[in-house]
N, C-alpha and C. Protein backbone atom coordinates (compact mmCIF):
# COMPACT_ATOMS: atom_id res chain seq x y z
N MET A 1 -53.38 -51.66 -76.46
CA MET A 1 -53.95 -50.56 -77.20
C MET A 1 -52.83 -49.81 -77.92
N GLU A 2 -52.98 -49.64 -79.21
CA GLU A 2 -51.94 -49.01 -80.01
C GLU A 2 -52.20 -47.50 -80.11
N ILE A 3 -51.13 -46.74 -79.92
CA ILE A 3 -51.24 -45.29 -80.05
C ILE A 3 -51.14 -44.93 -81.53
N SER A 4 -52.02 -44.06 -81.98
CA SER A 4 -52.03 -43.69 -83.40
C SER A 4 -50.83 -42.81 -83.74
N PHE A 5 -50.61 -42.63 -85.03
CA PHE A 5 -49.49 -41.84 -85.53
C PHE A 5 -49.55 -40.41 -84.99
N TRP A 6 -50.72 -39.78 -85.04
CA TRP A 6 -50.84 -38.39 -84.61
C TRP A 6 -50.62 -38.24 -83.11
N ALA A 7 -51.05 -39.21 -82.34
CA ALA A 7 -50.83 -39.16 -80.90
C ALA A 7 -49.34 -39.24 -80.58
N LYS A 8 -48.62 -40.11 -81.28
CA LYS A 8 -47.17 -40.21 -81.09
C LYS A 8 -46.48 -38.92 -81.49
N THR A 9 -46.93 -38.34 -82.61
CA THR A 9 -46.33 -37.10 -83.09
C THR A 9 -46.53 -35.97 -82.09
N ILE A 10 -47.73 -35.82 -81.57
CA ILE A 10 -48.01 -34.77 -80.59
C ILE A 10 -47.22 -35.00 -79.31
N LEU A 11 -47.08 -36.24 -78.89
CA LEU A 11 -46.30 -36.56 -77.71
C LEU A 11 -44.83 -36.21 -77.90
N ILE A 12 -44.28 -36.54 -79.05
CA ILE A 12 -42.87 -36.23 -79.34
C ILE A 12 -42.66 -34.72 -79.38
N ILE A 13 -43.57 -33.99 -80.03
CA ILE A 13 -43.45 -32.53 -80.08
C ILE A 13 -43.51 -31.94 -78.68
N GLY A 14 -44.36 -32.46 -77.82
CA GLY A 14 -44.45 -32.00 -76.44
C GLY A 14 -43.16 -32.22 -75.67
N VAL A 15 -42.57 -33.40 -75.83
CA VAL A 15 -41.30 -33.69 -75.15
C VAL A 15 -40.20 -32.77 -75.65
N ILE A 16 -40.17 -32.53 -76.97
CA ILE A 16 -39.16 -31.63 -77.53
C ILE A 16 -39.34 -30.22 -76.98
N LEU A 17 -40.58 -29.74 -76.87
CA LEU A 17 -40.82 -28.41 -76.32
C LEU A 17 -40.41 -28.32 -74.85
N ILE A 18 -40.63 -29.38 -74.09
CA ILE A 18 -40.19 -29.39 -72.69
C ILE A 18 -38.67 -29.31 -72.61
N ILE A 19 -37.98 -30.06 -73.46
CA ILE A 19 -36.51 -30.04 -73.47
C ILE A 19 -36.00 -28.65 -73.85
N ILE A 20 -36.62 -28.04 -74.86
CA ILE A 20 -36.22 -26.69 -75.27
C ILE A 20 -36.46 -25.69 -74.14
N GLY A 21 -37.59 -25.81 -73.45
CA GLY A 21 -37.89 -24.92 -72.34
C GLY A 21 -36.89 -25.06 -71.20
N LEU A 22 -36.53 -26.28 -70.86
CA LEU A 22 -35.53 -26.50 -69.81
C LEU A 22 -34.17 -25.97 -70.24
N ALA A 23 -33.83 -26.15 -71.51
CA ALA A 23 -32.55 -25.63 -72.01
C ALA A 23 -32.53 -24.11 -71.92
N MET A 24 -33.65 -23.46 -72.27
CA MET A 24 -33.71 -22.00 -72.19
C MET A 24 -33.63 -21.52 -70.74
N LEU A 25 -34.06 -22.34 -69.82
CA LEU A 25 -34.03 -21.98 -68.42
C LEU A 25 -32.63 -22.12 -67.82
N PHE A 26 -31.93 -23.21 -68.16
CA PHE A 26 -30.67 -23.52 -67.50
C PHE A 26 -29.41 -23.15 -68.28
N LEU A 27 -29.46 -23.10 -69.60
CA LEU A 27 -28.25 -22.83 -70.38
C LEU A 27 -27.67 -21.44 -70.16
N PRO A 28 -28.46 -20.39 -69.95
CA PRO A 28 -27.83 -19.08 -69.72
C PRO A 28 -26.97 -19.02 -68.47
N LYS A 29 -27.13 -19.96 -67.57
CA LYS A 29 -26.31 -19.98 -66.35
C LYS A 29 -24.93 -20.57 -66.60
N ILE A 30 -24.74 -21.23 -67.75
CA ILE A 30 -23.44 -21.80 -68.11
C ILE A 30 -22.69 -20.73 -68.89
N PRO A 31 -21.47 -20.36 -68.47
CA PRO A 31 -20.77 -19.21 -69.06
C PRO A 31 -20.61 -19.25 -70.58
N ILE A 32 -20.33 -20.39 -71.17
CA ILE A 32 -20.08 -20.43 -72.61
C ILE A 32 -21.33 -20.10 -73.42
N PHE A 33 -22.51 -20.39 -72.89
CA PHE A 33 -23.75 -20.14 -73.61
C PHE A 33 -24.23 -18.70 -73.49
N ARG A 34 -23.60 -17.91 -72.62
CA ARG A 34 -23.97 -16.50 -72.51
C ARG A 34 -23.57 -15.71 -73.75
N TYR A 35 -22.55 -16.19 -74.46
CA TYR A 35 -22.04 -15.45 -75.62
C TYR A 35 -22.81 -15.76 -76.89
N LEU A 36 -23.59 -16.84 -76.92
CA LEU A 36 -24.36 -17.15 -78.12
C LEU A 36 -25.39 -16.05 -78.34
N GLY A 37 -25.42 -15.53 -79.54
CA GLY A 37 -26.30 -14.42 -79.86
C GLY A 37 -25.67 -13.07 -79.68
N LYS A 38 -24.46 -13.04 -79.12
CA LYS A 38 -23.75 -11.77 -78.91
C LYS A 38 -22.36 -11.83 -79.53
N LEU A 39 -22.18 -12.66 -80.54
CA LEU A 39 -20.88 -12.83 -81.16
C LEU A 39 -20.61 -11.72 -82.17
N PRO A 40 -19.32 -11.42 -82.43
CA PRO A 40 -19.02 -10.47 -83.50
C PRO A 40 -19.54 -11.00 -84.83
N GLY A 41 -20.22 -10.18 -85.58
CA GLY A 41 -20.80 -10.61 -86.84
C GLY A 41 -22.31 -10.76 -86.76
N ASP A 42 -22.86 -10.83 -85.56
CA ASP A 42 -24.31 -10.84 -85.40
C ASP A 42 -24.83 -9.43 -85.71
N ILE A 43 -25.91 -9.35 -86.44
CA ILE A 43 -26.41 -8.06 -86.94
C ILE A 43 -27.45 -7.50 -85.98
N ILE A 44 -27.21 -6.26 -85.52
CA ILE A 44 -28.15 -5.55 -84.67
C ILE A 44 -28.33 -4.15 -85.25
N VAL A 45 -29.57 -3.80 -85.61
CA VAL A 45 -29.87 -2.47 -86.14
C VAL A 45 -30.92 -1.84 -85.23
N LYS A 46 -30.59 -0.68 -84.66
CA LYS A 46 -31.52 0.02 -83.77
C LYS A 46 -31.90 1.35 -84.42
N ARG A 47 -33.19 1.55 -84.63
CA ARG A 47 -33.70 2.81 -85.19
C ARG A 47 -34.94 3.22 -84.39
N GLY A 48 -34.81 4.22 -83.60
CA GLY A 48 -35.95 4.68 -82.81
C GLY A 48 -36.44 3.61 -81.85
N ASN A 49 -37.71 3.24 -81.98
CA ASN A 49 -38.29 2.23 -81.10
C ASN A 49 -38.18 0.82 -81.66
N VAL A 50 -37.54 0.66 -82.82
CA VAL A 50 -37.47 -0.63 -83.49
C VAL A 50 -36.05 -1.17 -83.42
N THR A 51 -35.93 -2.42 -83.05
CA THR A 51 -34.63 -3.10 -83.04
C THR A 51 -34.74 -4.36 -83.88
N PHE A 52 -33.86 -4.45 -84.88
CA PHE A 52 -33.79 -5.65 -85.72
C PHE A 52 -32.54 -6.41 -85.32
N TYR A 53 -32.70 -7.68 -85.03
CA TYR A 53 -31.59 -8.50 -84.55
C TYR A 53 -31.55 -9.79 -85.34
N PHE A 54 -30.40 -10.08 -85.95
CA PHE A 54 -30.23 -11.34 -86.65
C PHE A 54 -28.88 -11.95 -86.25
N PRO A 55 -28.89 -13.07 -85.52
CA PRO A 55 -27.65 -13.68 -85.05
C PRO A 55 -26.97 -14.50 -86.15
N TRP A 56 -26.40 -13.85 -87.14
CA TRP A 56 -25.81 -14.48 -88.32
C TRP A 56 -24.70 -15.47 -87.96
N VAL A 57 -23.70 -15.02 -87.22
CA VAL A 57 -22.56 -15.88 -86.88
C VAL A 57 -22.98 -16.99 -85.93
N THR A 58 -23.87 -16.69 -85.00
CA THR A 58 -24.38 -17.71 -84.09
C THR A 58 -25.08 -18.82 -84.86
N CYS A 59 -25.88 -18.46 -85.87
CA CYS A 59 -26.57 -19.46 -86.69
C CYS A 59 -25.58 -20.35 -87.44
N ILE A 60 -24.51 -19.75 -87.96
CA ILE A 60 -23.50 -20.53 -88.68
C ILE A 60 -22.80 -21.50 -87.75
N ILE A 61 -22.44 -21.05 -86.55
CA ILE A 61 -21.74 -21.92 -85.59
C ILE A 61 -22.65 -23.07 -85.15
N ILE A 62 -23.90 -22.78 -84.85
CA ILE A 62 -24.84 -23.84 -84.46
C ILE A 62 -25.04 -24.82 -85.60
N SER A 63 -25.11 -24.32 -86.83
CA SER A 63 -25.28 -25.19 -87.99
C SER A 63 -24.08 -26.13 -88.16
N ILE A 64 -22.88 -25.61 -87.99
CA ILE A 64 -21.67 -26.44 -88.11
C ILE A 64 -21.66 -27.51 -87.02
N ILE A 65 -21.98 -27.12 -85.79
CA ILE A 65 -21.98 -28.08 -84.68
C ILE A 65 -23.02 -29.18 -84.91
N LEU A 66 -24.23 -28.81 -85.33
CA LEU A 66 -25.27 -29.81 -85.58
C LEU A 66 -24.91 -30.71 -86.75
N THR A 67 -24.28 -30.16 -87.79
CA THR A 67 -23.84 -30.97 -88.92
C THR A 67 -22.82 -32.01 -88.48
N LEU A 68 -21.87 -31.60 -87.65
CA LEU A 68 -20.86 -32.55 -87.15
C LEU A 68 -21.50 -33.63 -86.28
N ILE A 69 -22.41 -33.24 -85.41
CA ILE A 69 -23.06 -34.22 -84.53
C ILE A 69 -23.86 -35.24 -85.34
N PHE A 70 -24.67 -34.76 -86.30
CA PHE A 70 -25.49 -35.68 -87.09
C PHE A 70 -24.66 -36.55 -88.02
N SER A 71 -23.54 -36.02 -88.53
CA SER A 71 -22.70 -36.85 -89.39
C SER A 71 -22.01 -37.94 -88.57
N LEU A 72 -21.67 -37.65 -87.31
CA LEU A 72 -21.08 -38.68 -86.45
C LEU A 72 -22.12 -39.72 -86.04
N LEU A 73 -23.36 -39.29 -85.81
CA LEU A 73 -24.41 -40.24 -85.42
C LEU A 73 -24.84 -41.13 -86.58
N ARG A 74 -24.69 -40.64 -87.79
CA ARG A 74 -25.11 -41.41 -88.96
C ARG A 74 -24.16 -42.58 -89.23
N ARG A 75 -22.94 -42.47 -88.79
CA ARG A 75 -21.95 -43.54 -89.04
C ARG A 75 -22.18 -44.73 -88.19
C-alpha cells in the first residue's frame, strides 16, 4: 500500500515538530545554548505592560551556521 503525498508530508511535519519540541526541552540545559536570544545586539524594548523582543544578532548567527551546514552538505 502506497502512502500518498499528503500523508508523507504530514508525517514529516510531525517528526520535525517532535524534534523541535525535544530540542526546546533539552537545549536550555546545555550552557552554550543559554546565551542564544540574550546576545549583545538583540533588541528588547519595554514600555509599560508591553515588551517587544527581536533577537537580531541571534538570527544572524543561526543563519550563518545553517548556511555553512547546508553548503557543506550540498558538496
